[in-house]
């Protein structure tokens, strides 16, 4: 169960942390946590400020394939798949793979890429609608921390249940007080966030044995 950064080829964003901290209110958080149009394609205040495909996941999915030595017909689950951008790139790279996406946002699924929309399902990570050991790789990037503490632990157990072998997650975290201060100024949707040491204890208690890394703005 190692700390493993498989996202180091993802473009680094210049995040206006101090500016955002001044605009976050309970109402902004409420709207963001609806994961609707405002979160994905509305004002940057509420989330992405326009969630559009640009191919940035292509090197990441290649990295996943190579690191986990996935077979060409592997079964891959993306929890928090949004509009399916990463799954689209998986399918382009591995046409024989079975790709499956799950997201809590009806808006995201309704506006997903046509190439993968048939493979996406509305649902959440605390009750995955799949049999045991269904997938060769389960991915949850910046997703399970949007659940409360107990539900987050349940989602980790669910990920372990449906994975045959490999899993990779990223969660909001900090290593020191400066990183903690920056994170708390930035987050909108996360309900569970803690230091990297506390997360590692949390993983162990939940029985999660997959790989993990951190979102640290």
N, C-alpha and C. Protein backbone atom coordinates (compact mmCIF):
# COMPACT_ATOMS: atom_id res chain seq x y z
N UNK A 1 0.85 -1.19 0.00
CA UNK A 1 0.00 0.00 0.00
C UNK A 1 0.89 1.24 0.00
N UNK A 2 1.53 1.54 -1.11
CA UNK A 2 2.47 2.66 -1.11
C UNK A 2 1.85 4.00 -1.50
N UNK A 3 2.45 5.08 -1.00
CA UNK A 3 2.20 6.40 -1.55
C UNK A 3 2.84 6.42 -2.93
N UNK A 4 2.05 6.75 -3.93
CA UNK A 4 2.52 6.61 -5.31
C UNK A 4 1.92 7.72 -6.16
N UNK A 5 2.75 8.55 -6.75
CA UNK A 5 2.26 9.64 -7.58
C UNK A 5 2.22 9.20 -9.04
N UNK A 6 1.05 8.79 -9.50
CA UNK A 6 0.87 8.45 -10.90
C UNK A 6 0.29 9.62 -11.70
N UNK A 7 0.17 10.77 -11.04
CA UNK A 7 -0.41 11.95 -11.70
C UNK A 7 0.63 13.03 -11.95
N UNK A 8 1.91 12.68 -11.91
CA UNK A 8 2.93 13.71 -12.02
C UNK A 8 3.04 14.30 -13.42
N UNK A 9 2.36 13.68 -14.41
CA UNK A 9 2.34 14.24 -15.76
C UNK A 9 1.09 15.08 -16.01
N UNK A 10 0.24 15.19 -15.00
CA UNK A 10 -0.95 16.04 -15.11
C UNK A 10 -0.52 17.51 -15.02
N UNK A 11 -1.06 18.38 -15.87
CA UNK A 11 -0.60 19.79 -15.87
C UNK A 11 -0.82 20.45 -14.51
N UNK A 12 0.18 21.18 -14.07
CA UNK A 12 0.07 21.93 -12.82
C UNK A 12 -0.76 23.19 -13.05
N UNK A 13 -1.69 23.42 -12.14
CA UNK A 13 -2.55 24.60 -12.25
C UNK A 13 -2.03 25.71 -11.34
N UNK A 14 -2.18 26.93 -11.79
CA UNK A 14 -1.86 28.09 -10.97
C UNK A 14 -3.12 28.49 -10.21
N UNK A 15 -3.23 28.05 -8.99
CA UNK A 15 -4.47 28.22 -8.24
C UNK A 15 -4.46 29.53 -7.45
N UNK A 16 -5.45 30.39 -7.65
CA UNK A 16 -5.53 31.66 -6.92
C UNK A 16 -6.12 31.44 -5.53
N UNK A 17 -5.33 30.85 -4.66
CA UNK A 17 -5.84 30.38 -3.37
C UNK A 17 -6.35 31.53 -2.50
N UNK A 18 -5.59 32.60 -2.41
CA UNK A 18 -6.01 33.71 -1.55
C UNK A 18 -7.27 34.37 -2.09
N UNK A 19 -7.38 34.48 -3.39
CA UNK A 19 -8.58 35.08 -3.99
C UNK A 19 -9.80 34.20 -3.73
N UNK A 20 -9.63 32.89 -3.90
CA UNK A 20 -10.76 32.00 -3.68
C UNK A 20 -11.20 32.01 -2.22
N UNK A 21 -10.25 32.07 -1.31
CA UNK A 21 -10.59 32.06 0.11
C UNK A 21 -11.53 33.20 0.46
N UNK A 22 -11.41 34.32 -0.24
CA UNK A 22 -12.25 35.49 0.04
C UNK A 22 -13.68 35.32 -0.47
N UNK A 23 -13.88 34.37 -1.39
CA UNK A 23 -15.19 34.23 -2.02
C UNK A 23 -16.00 33.04 -1.50
N UNK A 24 -15.36 32.14 -0.75
CA UNK A 24 -16.06 30.94 -0.28
C UNK A 24 -17.02 31.32 0.85
N UNK A 25 -18.27 30.96 0.66
CA UNK A 25 -19.31 31.17 1.67
C UNK A 25 -20.08 29.86 1.82
N UNK A 26 -20.89 29.72 2.86
CA UNK A 26 -21.72 28.51 2.96
C UNK A 26 -22.61 28.29 1.75
N UNK A 27 -23.09 29.37 1.14
CA UNK A 27 -23.94 29.22 -0.05
C UNK A 27 -23.12 28.73 -1.24
N UNK A 28 -21.92 29.21 -1.41
CA UNK A 28 -21.05 28.74 -2.49
C UNK A 28 -20.75 27.25 -2.30
N UNK A 29 -20.46 26.84 -1.07
CA UNK A 29 -20.19 25.43 -0.79
C UNK A 29 -21.42 24.58 -1.08
N UNK A 30 -22.59 25.07 -0.69
CA UNK A 30 -23.82 24.31 -0.93
C UNK A 30 -24.03 24.08 -2.42
N UNK A 31 -23.84 25.12 -3.22
CA UNK A 31 -24.03 24.99 -4.66
C UNK A 31 -22.99 24.06 -5.26
N UNK A 32 -21.74 24.19 -4.85
CA UNK A 32 -20.68 23.32 -5.37
C UNK A 32 -20.98 21.87 -5.06
N UNK A 33 -21.48 21.59 -3.86
CA UNK A 33 -21.73 20.20 -3.47
C UNK A 33 -22.94 19.58 -4.14
N UNK A 34 -23.66 20.35 -4.92
CA UNK A 34 -24.72 19.78 -5.75
C UNK A 34 -24.16 19.08 -6.98
N UNK A 35 -22.93 19.40 -7.34
CA UNK A 35 -22.24 18.80 -8.49
C UNK A 35 -23.10 18.88 -9.75
N UNK A 36 -23.69 20.06 -9.93
CA UNK A 36 -24.53 20.28 -11.10
C UNK A 36 -23.84 21.16 -12.13
N UNK A 37 -24.65 21.85 -12.90
CA UNK A 37 -24.11 22.69 -13.97
C UNK A 37 -23.19 23.76 -13.42
N UNK A 38 -23.55 24.37 -12.31
CA UNK A 38 -22.72 25.43 -11.75
C UNK A 38 -21.33 24.92 -11.38
N UNK A 39 -21.26 23.71 -10.85
CA UNK A 39 -19.97 23.14 -10.44
C UNK A 39 -19.07 22.87 -11.64
N UNK A 40 -19.63 22.29 -12.69
CA UNK A 40 -18.82 21.91 -13.84
C UNK A 40 -18.64 23.05 -14.85
N UNK A 41 -19.72 23.72 -15.18
CA UNK A 41 -19.69 24.65 -16.31
C UNK A 41 -20.19 26.05 -15.98
N UNK A 42 -20.28 26.35 -14.70
CA UNK A 42 -20.70 27.67 -14.29
C UNK A 42 -19.51 28.57 -13.97
N UNK A 43 -19.73 29.52 -13.11
CA UNK A 43 -18.68 30.43 -12.68
C UNK A 43 -17.59 29.67 -11.93
N UNK A 44 -16.33 30.08 -12.14
CA UNK A 44 -15.19 29.43 -11.46
C UNK A 44 -15.37 29.45 -9.95
N UNK A 45 -16.18 30.35 -9.45
CA UNK A 45 -16.45 30.44 -8.02
C UNK A 45 -16.96 29.13 -7.46
N UNK A 46 -17.72 28.37 -8.26
CA UNK A 46 -18.40 27.18 -7.79
C UNK A 46 -17.67 25.87 -8.11
N UNK A 47 -16.59 25.96 -8.87
CA UNK A 47 -15.91 24.71 -9.23
C UNK A 47 -14.95 24.89 -10.39
N UNK A 48 -15.18 24.12 -11.46
CA UNK A 48 -14.23 24.09 -12.57
C UNK A 48 -14.26 25.35 -13.44
N UNK A 49 -15.41 25.97 -13.56
CA UNK A 49 -15.51 27.12 -14.43
C UNK A 49 -15.47 26.75 -15.90
N UNK A 50 -15.93 25.54 -16.22
CA UNK A 50 -15.92 25.04 -17.59
C UNK A 50 -15.10 23.77 -17.67
N UNK A 51 -15.79 22.63 -17.66
CA UNK A 51 -15.11 21.33 -17.65
C UNK A 51 -15.17 20.74 -19.05
N UNK A 52 -14.06 20.88 -19.79
CA UNK A 52 -14.03 20.52 -21.20
C UNK A 52 -12.86 19.59 -21.49
N UNK A 53 -13.06 18.72 -22.46
CA UNK A 53 -12.02 17.76 -22.82
C UNK A 53 -10.86 18.48 -23.52
N UNK A 54 -9.63 18.16 -23.06
CA UNK A 54 -8.45 18.73 -23.71
C UNK A 54 -7.32 17.72 -23.86
N UNK A 55 -7.61 16.45 -23.57
CA UNK A 55 -6.61 15.41 -23.77
C UNK A 55 -5.57 15.28 -22.68
N UNK A 56 -5.74 16.02 -21.58
CA UNK A 56 -4.69 16.01 -20.56
C UNK A 56 -4.55 14.67 -19.83
N UNK A 57 -5.59 13.80 -19.95
CA UNK A 57 -5.50 12.51 -19.28
C UNK A 57 -4.73 11.46 -20.08
N UNK A 58 -4.41 11.76 -21.32
CA UNK A 58 -3.77 10.75 -22.17
C UNK A 58 -2.47 10.20 -21.58
N UNK A 59 -1.53 11.04 -21.15
CA UNK A 59 -0.32 10.46 -20.55
C UNK A 59 -0.58 9.76 -19.23
N UNK A 60 -1.63 10.17 -18.54
CA UNK A 60 -1.95 9.54 -17.25
C UNK A 60 -2.46 8.12 -17.46
N UNK A 61 -3.38 7.94 -18.41
CA UNK A 61 -3.93 6.59 -18.62
C UNK A 61 -2.85 5.66 -19.16
N UNK A 62 -1.93 6.18 -19.96
CA UNK A 62 -0.81 5.35 -20.41
C UNK A 62 0.05 4.93 -19.22
N UNK A 63 0.23 5.87 -18.30
CA UNK A 63 1.00 5.56 -17.09
C UNK A 63 0.30 4.49 -16.26
N UNK A 64 -1.00 4.59 -16.11
CA UNK A 64 -1.75 3.57 -15.39
C UNK A 64 -1.58 2.21 -16.07
N UNK A 65 -1.79 2.19 -17.37
CA UNK A 65 -1.69 0.92 -18.10
C UNK A 65 -0.33 0.27 -17.90
N UNK A 66 0.72 1.07 -18.06
CA UNK A 66 2.07 0.52 -18.00
C UNK A 66 2.45 0.13 -16.57
N UNK A 67 2.11 0.98 -15.61
CA UNK A 67 2.50 0.69 -14.23
C UNK A 67 1.82 -0.59 -13.71
N UNK A 68 0.53 -0.72 -14.00
CA UNK A 68 -0.20 -1.88 -13.50
C UNK A 68 -0.18 -3.06 -14.47
N UNK A 69 0.49 -2.88 -15.60
CA UNK A 69 0.63 -3.94 -16.60
C UNK A 69 -0.75 -4.52 -16.96
N UNK A 70 -1.65 -3.61 -17.29
CA UNK A 70 -3.01 -4.01 -17.59
C UNK A 70 -3.08 -4.75 -18.91
N UNK A 71 -3.86 -5.82 -18.93
CA UNK A 71 -4.11 -6.54 -20.17
C UNK A 71 -4.96 -5.68 -21.09
N UNK A 72 -4.87 -5.94 -22.37
CA UNK A 72 -5.61 -5.13 -23.34
C UNK A 72 -7.12 -5.22 -23.14
N UNK A 73 -7.59 -6.32 -22.52
CA UNK A 73 -9.02 -6.48 -22.27
C UNK A 73 -9.36 -6.27 -20.79
N UNK A 74 -8.55 -5.45 -20.11
CA UNK A 74 -8.77 -5.19 -18.69
C UNK A 74 -10.11 -4.51 -18.45
N UNK A 75 -10.62 -4.69 -17.23
CA UNK A 75 -11.84 -4.01 -16.78
C UNK A 75 -11.42 -2.89 -15.84
N UNK A 76 -11.86 -1.66 -16.15
CA UNK A 76 -11.41 -0.46 -15.44
C UNK A 76 -12.62 0.32 -14.94
N UNK A 77 -12.61 0.67 -13.66
CA UNK A 77 -13.68 1.46 -13.06
C UNK A 77 -13.13 2.81 -12.62
N UNK A 78 -13.80 3.88 -13.03
CA UNK A 78 -13.46 5.24 -12.60
C UNK A 78 -14.59 5.75 -11.73
N UNK A 79 -14.33 5.90 -10.43
CA UNK A 79 -15.31 6.42 -9.48
C UNK A 79 -15.14 7.94 -9.41
N UNK A 80 -16.23 8.65 -9.69
CA UNK A 80 -16.13 10.10 -9.85
C UNK A 80 -15.68 10.43 -11.25
N UNK A 81 -16.27 9.76 -12.20
CA UNK A 81 -15.82 9.84 -13.61
C UNK A 81 -16.19 11.15 -14.28
N UNK A 82 -17.11 11.93 -13.69
CA UNK A 82 -17.57 13.20 -14.29
C UNK A 82 -18.05 12.95 -15.72
N UNK A 83 -17.51 13.68 -16.69
CA UNK A 83 -17.97 13.55 -18.08
C UNK A 83 -17.26 12.44 -18.85
N UNK A 84 -16.44 11.66 -18.16
CA UNK A 84 -15.84 10.49 -18.78
C UNK A 84 -14.58 10.75 -19.58
N UNK A 85 -13.90 11.86 -19.34
CA UNK A 85 -12.73 12.19 -20.13
C UNK A 85 -11.63 11.13 -20.01
N UNK A 86 -11.35 10.70 -18.79
CA UNK A 86 -10.29 9.72 -18.60
C UNK A 86 -10.67 8.37 -19.21
N UNK A 87 -11.92 7.98 -19.08
CA UNK A 87 -12.36 6.72 -19.65
C UNK A 87 -12.31 6.77 -21.18
N UNK A 88 -12.62 7.92 -21.76
CA UNK A 88 -12.49 8.08 -23.21
C UNK A 88 -11.04 7.81 -23.64
N UNK A 89 -10.09 8.36 -22.89
CA UNK A 89 -8.69 8.17 -23.25
C UNK A 89 -8.24 6.73 -23.02
N UNK A 90 -8.78 6.09 -21.99
CA UNK A 90 -8.50 4.66 -21.80
C UNK A 90 -8.98 3.86 -23.01
N UNK A 91 -10.17 4.17 -23.46
CA UNK A 91 -10.75 3.42 -24.57
C UNK A 91 -9.97 3.67 -25.87
N UNK A 92 -9.47 4.89 -26.02
CA UNK A 92 -8.64 5.17 -27.18
C UNK A 92 -7.33 4.39 -27.13
N UNK A 93 -6.75 4.30 -25.96
CA UNK A 93 -5.48 3.60 -25.79
C UNK A 93 -5.66 2.08 -25.81
N UNK A 94 -6.77 1.61 -25.22
CA UNK A 94 -7.00 0.17 -25.05
C UNK A 94 -8.41 -0.16 -25.57
N UNK A 95 -8.60 -0.26 -26.87
CA UNK A 95 -9.94 -0.44 -27.43
C UNK A 95 -10.68 -1.68 -26.93
N UNK A 96 -9.95 -2.70 -26.52
CA UNK A 96 -10.59 -3.94 -26.06
C UNK A 96 -10.94 -3.90 -24.58
N UNK A 97 -10.53 -2.85 -23.89
CA UNK A 97 -10.82 -2.74 -22.46
C UNK A 97 -12.31 -2.48 -22.22
N UNK A 98 -12.78 -2.92 -21.06
CA UNK A 98 -14.12 -2.58 -20.59
C UNK A 98 -13.99 -1.42 -19.61
N UNK A 99 -14.58 -0.28 -19.95
CA UNK A 99 -14.50 0.88 -19.07
C UNK A 99 -15.87 1.15 -18.45
N UNK A 100 -15.84 1.47 -17.18
CA UNK A 100 -17.07 1.71 -16.42
C UNK A 100 -16.86 2.97 -15.58
N UNK A 101 -17.82 3.86 -15.59
CA UNK A 101 -17.74 5.08 -14.80
C UNK A 101 -18.92 5.23 -13.87
N UNK A 102 -18.66 5.81 -12.71
CA UNK A 102 -19.71 6.06 -11.71
C UNK A 102 -19.55 7.49 -11.23
N UNK A 103 -20.66 8.23 -11.13
CA UNK A 103 -20.59 9.59 -10.63
C UNK A 103 -21.92 9.96 -9.97
N UNK A 104 -21.85 10.86 -8.99
CA UNK A 104 -23.05 11.32 -8.30
C UNK A 104 -23.79 12.39 -9.09
N UNK A 105 -23.15 12.91 -10.14
CA UNK A 105 -23.71 14.04 -10.87
C UNK A 105 -24.49 13.60 -12.10
N UNK A 106 -25.81 13.78 -12.04
CA UNK A 106 -26.63 13.52 -13.23
C UNK A 106 -26.25 14.47 -14.35
N UNK A 107 -25.90 15.70 -14.00
CA UNK A 107 -25.51 16.67 -15.02
C UNK A 107 -24.27 16.20 -15.77
N UNK A 108 -23.26 15.74 -15.05
CA UNK A 108 -22.02 15.29 -15.69
C UNK A 108 -22.28 14.13 -16.63
N UNK A 109 -23.08 13.17 -16.19
CA UNK A 109 -23.35 12.00 -17.03
C UNK A 109 -24.17 12.40 -18.25
N UNK A 110 -25.14 13.25 -18.07
CA UNK A 110 -25.96 13.71 -19.21
C UNK A 110 -25.13 14.47 -20.23
N UNK A 111 -24.05 15.09 -19.78
CA UNK A 111 -23.19 15.87 -20.66
C UNK A 111 -21.84 15.19 -20.91
N UNK A 112 -21.81 13.89 -20.72
CA UNK A 112 -20.57 13.13 -20.91
C UNK A 112 -20.22 13.01 -22.38
N UNK A 113 -18.98 12.62 -22.63
CA UNK A 113 -18.54 12.39 -24.01
C UNK A 113 -19.36 11.26 -24.61
N UNK A 114 -19.89 11.42 -25.81
CA UNK A 114 -20.71 10.38 -26.42
C UNK A 114 -20.01 9.03 -26.52
N UNK A 115 -18.69 9.05 -26.64
CA UNK A 115 -17.94 7.80 -26.80
C UNK A 115 -18.03 6.90 -25.58
N UNK A 116 -18.28 7.46 -24.41
CA UNK A 116 -18.32 6.65 -23.18
C UNK A 116 -19.62 6.77 -22.41
N UNK A 117 -20.52 7.62 -22.84
CA UNK A 117 -21.75 7.84 -22.09
C UNK A 117 -22.51 6.53 -21.79
N UNK A 118 -22.55 5.57 -22.72
CA UNK A 118 -23.26 4.32 -22.41
C UNK A 118 -22.65 3.52 -21.26
N UNK A 119 -21.41 3.85 -20.89
CA UNK A 119 -20.71 3.08 -19.86
C UNK A 119 -20.76 3.75 -18.50
N UNK A 120 -21.47 4.86 -18.37
CA UNK A 120 -21.50 5.63 -17.13
C UNK A 120 -22.80 5.41 -16.38
N UNK A 121 -22.68 5.40 -15.05
CA UNK A 121 -23.82 5.13 -14.19
C UNK A 121 -23.90 6.18 -13.08
N UNK A 122 -25.11 6.57 -12.73
CA UNK A 122 -25.33 7.48 -11.61
C UNK A 122 -25.26 6.68 -10.31
N UNK A 123 -24.44 7.15 -9.37
CA UNK A 123 -24.30 6.45 -8.10
C UNK A 123 -23.19 7.08 -7.28
N UNK A 124 -22.89 6.49 -6.13
CA UNK A 124 -21.80 7.04 -5.33
C UNK A 124 -20.93 5.93 -4.76
N UNK A 125 -19.80 6.35 -4.22
CA UNK A 125 -18.73 5.41 -3.88
C UNK A 125 -19.02 4.59 -2.63
N UNK A 126 -19.99 4.99 -1.84
CA UNK A 126 -20.21 4.24 -0.60
C UNK A 126 -21.03 2.98 -0.79
N UNK A 127 -21.57 2.78 -1.99
CA UNK A 127 -22.33 1.57 -2.29
C UNK A 127 -22.16 1.27 -3.77
N UNK A 128 -21.05 0.66 -4.14
CA UNK A 128 -20.75 0.41 -5.54
C UNK A 128 -21.63 -0.72 -6.08
N UNK A 129 -22.33 -0.50 -7.19
CA UNK A 129 -23.30 -1.48 -7.69
C UNK A 129 -22.65 -2.55 -8.58
N UNK A 130 -21.57 -3.16 -8.06
CA UNK A 130 -20.84 -4.14 -8.84
C UNK A 130 -20.50 -5.34 -7.96
N UNK A 131 -20.38 -6.53 -8.57
CA UNK A 131 -20.01 -7.72 -7.79
C UNK A 131 -18.57 -7.63 -7.28
N UNK A 132 -18.26 -8.52 -6.34
CA UNK A 132 -16.91 -8.60 -5.80
C UNK A 132 -15.91 -8.88 -6.93
N UNK A 133 -14.74 -8.28 -6.80
CA UNK A 133 -13.61 -8.52 -7.71
C UNK A 133 -14.01 -8.37 -9.18
N UNK A 134 -14.68 -7.27 -9.48
CA UNK A 134 -15.18 -7.03 -10.83
C UNK A 134 -14.15 -6.36 -11.75
N UNK A 135 -13.14 -5.68 -11.16
CA UNK A 135 -12.30 -4.81 -11.97
C UNK A 135 -10.81 -5.08 -11.72
N UNK A 136 -10.05 -4.95 -12.81
CA UNK A 136 -8.60 -5.07 -12.71
C UNK A 136 -7.98 -3.82 -12.13
N UNK A 137 -8.63 -2.67 -12.34
CA UNK A 137 -8.15 -1.42 -11.77
C UNK A 137 -9.34 -0.56 -11.39
N UNK A 138 -9.32 -0.06 -10.16
CA UNK A 138 -10.34 0.88 -9.68
C UNK A 138 -9.63 2.20 -9.37
N UNK A 139 -10.15 3.29 -9.93
CA UNK A 139 -9.55 4.61 -9.77
C UNK A 139 -10.58 5.54 -9.13
N UNK A 140 -10.14 6.34 -8.16
CA UNK A 140 -11.00 7.36 -7.55
C UNK A 140 -10.14 8.59 -7.28
N UNK A 141 -10.17 9.55 -8.17
CA UNK A 141 -9.32 10.74 -8.07
C UNK A 141 -10.13 11.91 -7.55
N UNK A 142 -9.74 12.40 -6.37
CA UNK A 142 -10.41 13.55 -5.74
C UNK A 142 -11.92 13.32 -5.62
N UNK A 143 -12.28 12.16 -5.13
CA UNK A 143 -13.69 11.77 -5.09
C UNK A 143 -14.16 11.37 -3.70
N UNK A 144 -13.53 10.36 -3.11
CA UNK A 144 -14.09 9.80 -1.87
C UNK A 144 -14.01 10.78 -0.71
N UNK A 145 -13.13 11.78 -0.78
CA UNK A 145 -13.07 12.76 0.31
C UNK A 145 -14.31 13.66 0.33
N UNK A 146 -15.14 13.57 -0.70
CA UNK A 146 -16.39 14.34 -0.70
C UNK A 146 -17.46 13.70 0.17
N UNK A 147 -17.17 12.53 0.71
CA UNK A 147 -18.08 11.84 1.63
C UNK A 147 -17.69 12.16 3.07
N UNK A 148 -18.65 12.02 3.98
CA UNK A 148 -18.35 12.16 5.39
C UNK A 148 -17.43 11.06 5.87
N UNK A 149 -16.90 11.21 7.07
CA UNK A 149 -15.87 10.31 7.60
C UNK A 149 -16.27 8.83 7.50
N UNK A 150 -17.43 8.48 8.04
CA UNK A 150 -17.84 7.07 8.04
C UNK A 150 -18.14 6.57 6.63
N UNK A 151 -18.76 7.42 5.82
CA UNK A 151 -19.06 7.03 4.43
C UNK A 151 -17.78 6.89 3.63
N UNK A 152 -16.79 7.72 3.92
CA UNK A 152 -15.51 7.62 3.24
C UNK A 152 -14.84 6.29 3.55
N UNK A 153 -14.89 5.88 4.81
CA UNK A 153 -14.35 4.57 5.18
C UNK A 153 -15.09 3.45 4.46
N UNK A 154 -16.41 3.60 4.35
CA UNK A 154 -17.21 2.60 3.65
C UNK A 154 -16.80 2.53 2.18
N UNK A 155 -16.52 3.69 1.58
CA UNK A 155 -16.13 3.71 0.17
C UNK A 155 -14.79 3.00 -0.03
N UNK A 156 -13.88 3.15 0.91
CA UNK A 156 -12.61 2.43 0.82
C UNK A 156 -12.82 0.93 0.86
N UNK A 157 -13.72 0.49 1.72
CA UNK A 157 -14.02 -0.95 1.78
C UNK A 157 -14.68 -1.43 0.49
N UNK A 158 -15.52 -0.58 -0.09
CA UNK A 158 -16.17 -0.92 -1.36
C UNK A 158 -15.15 -1.02 -2.50
N UNK A 159 -14.20 -0.10 -2.52
CA UNK A 159 -13.15 -0.15 -3.54
C UNK A 159 -12.36 -1.44 -3.42
N UNK A 160 -12.01 -1.79 -2.18
CA UNK A 160 -11.28 -3.05 -1.96
C UNK A 160 -12.13 -4.25 -2.40
N UNK A 161 -13.41 -4.18 -2.18
CA UNK A 161 -14.29 -5.31 -2.51
C UNK A 161 -14.38 -5.56 -4.01
N UNK A 162 -14.52 -4.49 -4.80
CA UNK A 162 -14.76 -4.69 -6.25
C UNK A 162 -13.48 -4.82 -7.05
N UNK A 163 -12.33 -4.55 -6.42
CA UNK A 163 -11.06 -4.65 -7.14
C UNK A 163 -10.50 -6.06 -7.07
N UNK A 164 -10.07 -6.56 -8.21
CA UNK A 164 -9.38 -7.86 -8.23
C UNK A 164 -7.98 -7.76 -7.67
N UNK A 165 -7.36 -6.60 -7.94
CA UNK A 165 -5.96 -6.45 -7.52
C UNK A 165 -5.55 -5.01 -7.29
N UNK A 166 -5.80 -4.13 -8.28
CA UNK A 166 -5.22 -2.79 -8.25
C UNK A 166 -6.26 -1.72 -7.97
N UNK A 167 -5.84 -0.72 -7.18
CA UNK A 167 -6.67 0.46 -6.94
C UNK A 167 -5.76 1.66 -6.74
N UNK A 168 -6.26 2.83 -7.15
CA UNK A 168 -5.50 4.07 -6.98
C UNK A 168 -6.47 5.18 -6.63
N UNK A 169 -6.19 5.91 -5.54
CA UNK A 169 -7.04 7.01 -5.11
C UNK A 169 -6.19 8.24 -4.82
N UNK A 170 -6.81 9.42 -4.92
CA UNK A 170 -6.19 10.64 -4.40
C UNK A 170 -7.22 11.35 -3.52
N UNK A 171 -6.70 11.98 -2.46
CA UNK A 171 -7.57 12.65 -1.49
C UNK A 171 -6.92 13.95 -1.03
N UNK A 172 -7.74 14.87 -0.53
CA UNK A 172 -7.25 16.14 0.00
C UNK A 172 -6.45 15.89 1.28
N UNK A 173 -5.24 16.45 1.33
CA UNK A 173 -4.38 16.17 2.48
C UNK A 173 -3.35 17.28 2.64
N UNK A 174 -2.59 17.18 3.75
CA UNK A 174 -1.48 18.11 3.96
C UNK A 174 -0.36 17.39 4.72
N UNK A 175 0.86 17.91 4.51
CA UNK A 175 2.03 17.38 5.20
C UNK A 175 2.50 18.28 6.34
N UNK A 176 2.15 19.55 6.27
CA UNK A 176 2.59 20.50 7.29
C UNK A 176 1.53 21.60 7.43
N UNK A 177 1.76 22.50 8.36
CA UNK A 177 0.76 23.52 8.66
C UNK A 177 0.55 24.49 7.50
N UNK A 178 1.58 24.78 6.74
CA UNK A 178 1.41 25.66 5.59
C UNK A 178 0.49 25.02 4.56
N UNK A 179 0.71 23.75 4.27
CA UNK A 179 -0.14 23.05 3.31
C UNK A 179 -1.56 22.92 3.83
N UNK A 180 -1.72 22.73 5.13
CA UNK A 180 -3.06 22.66 5.72
C UNK A 180 -3.80 23.98 5.53
N UNK A 181 -3.11 25.09 5.80
CA UNK A 181 -3.73 26.40 5.65
C UNK A 181 -4.17 26.65 4.21
N UNK A 182 -3.31 26.29 3.25
CA UNK A 182 -3.65 26.47 1.84
C UNK A 182 -4.84 25.60 1.44
N UNK A 183 -4.85 24.36 1.90
CA UNK A 183 -5.94 23.46 1.54
C UNK A 183 -7.27 23.98 2.07
N UNK A 184 -7.29 24.41 3.33
CA UNK A 184 -8.54 24.87 3.93
C UNK A 184 -9.06 26.14 3.26
N UNK A 185 -8.19 26.88 2.63
CA UNK A 185 -8.62 28.06 1.89
C UNK A 185 -9.17 27.70 0.51
N UNK A 186 -8.84 26.49 0.04
CA UNK A 186 -9.17 26.13 -1.34
C UNK A 186 -10.38 25.21 -1.47
N UNK A 187 -10.55 24.27 -0.57
CA UNK A 187 -11.55 23.21 -0.77
C UNK A 187 -12.97 23.76 -0.75
N UNK A 188 -13.79 23.15 -1.62
CA UNK A 188 -15.21 23.47 -1.69
C UNK A 188 -16.08 22.27 -1.32
N UNK A 189 -15.74 21.12 -1.83
CA UNK A 189 -16.65 19.98 -1.75
C UNK A 189 -16.23 18.91 -0.75
N UNK A 190 -14.98 18.87 -0.36
CA UNK A 190 -14.50 17.80 0.51
C UNK A 190 -15.14 17.89 1.89
N UNK A 191 -15.52 16.74 2.42
CA UNK A 191 -16.05 16.64 3.78
C UNK A 191 -15.07 15.91 4.71
N UNK A 192 -14.16 15.14 4.13
CA UNK A 192 -13.16 14.42 4.90
C UNK A 192 -11.79 14.81 4.39
N UNK A 193 -10.98 15.41 5.25
CA UNK A 193 -9.63 15.82 4.88
C UNK A 193 -8.79 15.79 6.14
N UNK A 194 -7.53 15.41 5.98
CA UNK A 194 -6.66 15.24 7.14
C UNK A 194 -5.21 15.20 6.69
N UNK A 195 -4.31 15.09 7.64
CA UNK A 195 -2.89 15.01 7.30
C UNK A 195 -2.60 13.68 6.62
N UNK A 196 -1.48 13.61 5.92
CA UNK A 196 -1.13 12.36 5.24
C UNK A 196 -0.96 11.23 6.24
N UNK A 197 -0.41 11.51 7.42
CA UNK A 197 -0.24 10.47 8.43
C UNK A 197 -1.60 9.94 8.90
N UNK A 198 -2.54 10.85 9.12
CA UNK A 198 -3.87 10.42 9.56
C UNK A 198 -4.58 9.64 8.46
N UNK A 199 -4.40 10.07 7.20
CA UNK A 199 -5.00 9.31 6.10
C UNK A 199 -4.45 7.89 6.06
N UNK A 200 -3.16 7.74 6.25
CA UNK A 200 -2.58 6.40 6.17
C UNK A 200 -3.12 5.50 7.28
N UNK A 201 -3.32 6.06 8.45
CA UNK A 201 -3.95 5.29 9.52
C UNK A 201 -5.40 4.95 9.17
N UNK A 202 -6.07 5.91 8.57
CA UNK A 202 -7.46 5.73 8.14
C UNK A 202 -7.56 4.61 7.10
N UNK A 203 -6.66 4.60 6.13
CA UNK A 203 -6.64 3.53 5.13
C UNK A 203 -6.48 2.16 5.80
N UNK A 204 -5.55 2.09 6.73
CA UNK A 204 -5.29 0.82 7.40
C UNK A 204 -6.50 0.34 8.18
N UNK A 205 -7.14 1.26 8.89
CA UNK A 205 -8.32 0.90 9.67
C UNK A 205 -9.47 0.44 8.78
N UNK A 206 -9.58 1.03 7.58
CA UNK A 206 -10.66 0.68 6.66
C UNK A 206 -10.33 -0.57 5.84
N UNK A 207 -9.10 -1.05 5.93
CA UNK A 207 -8.72 -2.22 5.17
C UNK A 207 -8.37 -1.94 3.71
N UNK A 208 -8.07 -0.68 3.41
CA UNK A 208 -7.69 -0.34 2.04
C UNK A 208 -6.21 -0.63 1.84
N UNK A 209 -5.89 -1.43 0.82
CA UNK A 209 -4.51 -1.82 0.57
C UNK A 209 -4.01 -1.41 -0.82
N UNK A 210 -4.75 -0.54 -1.46
CA UNK A 210 -4.34 -0.07 -2.79
C UNK A 210 -3.35 1.08 -2.70
N UNK A 211 -3.05 1.65 -3.85
CA UNK A 211 -2.14 2.78 -3.92
C UNK A 211 -2.89 4.09 -3.67
N UNK A 212 -2.13 5.13 -3.32
CA UNK A 212 -2.77 6.41 -3.01
C UNK A 212 -1.80 7.55 -3.22
N UNK A 213 -2.37 8.73 -3.43
CA UNK A 213 -1.58 9.96 -3.44
C UNK A 213 -2.48 11.09 -2.96
N UNK A 214 -1.92 12.30 -2.94
CA UNK A 214 -2.58 13.41 -2.28
C UNK A 214 -2.89 14.54 -3.25
N UNK A 215 -4.00 15.24 -2.97
CA UNK A 215 -4.21 16.54 -3.58
C UNK A 215 -3.80 17.58 -2.56
N UNK A 216 -2.73 18.33 -2.88
CA UNK A 216 -2.20 19.37 -2.00
C UNK A 216 -2.03 20.62 -2.86
N UNK A 217 -2.93 21.60 -2.75
CA UNK A 217 -2.82 22.78 -3.63
C UNK A 217 -1.61 23.64 -3.32
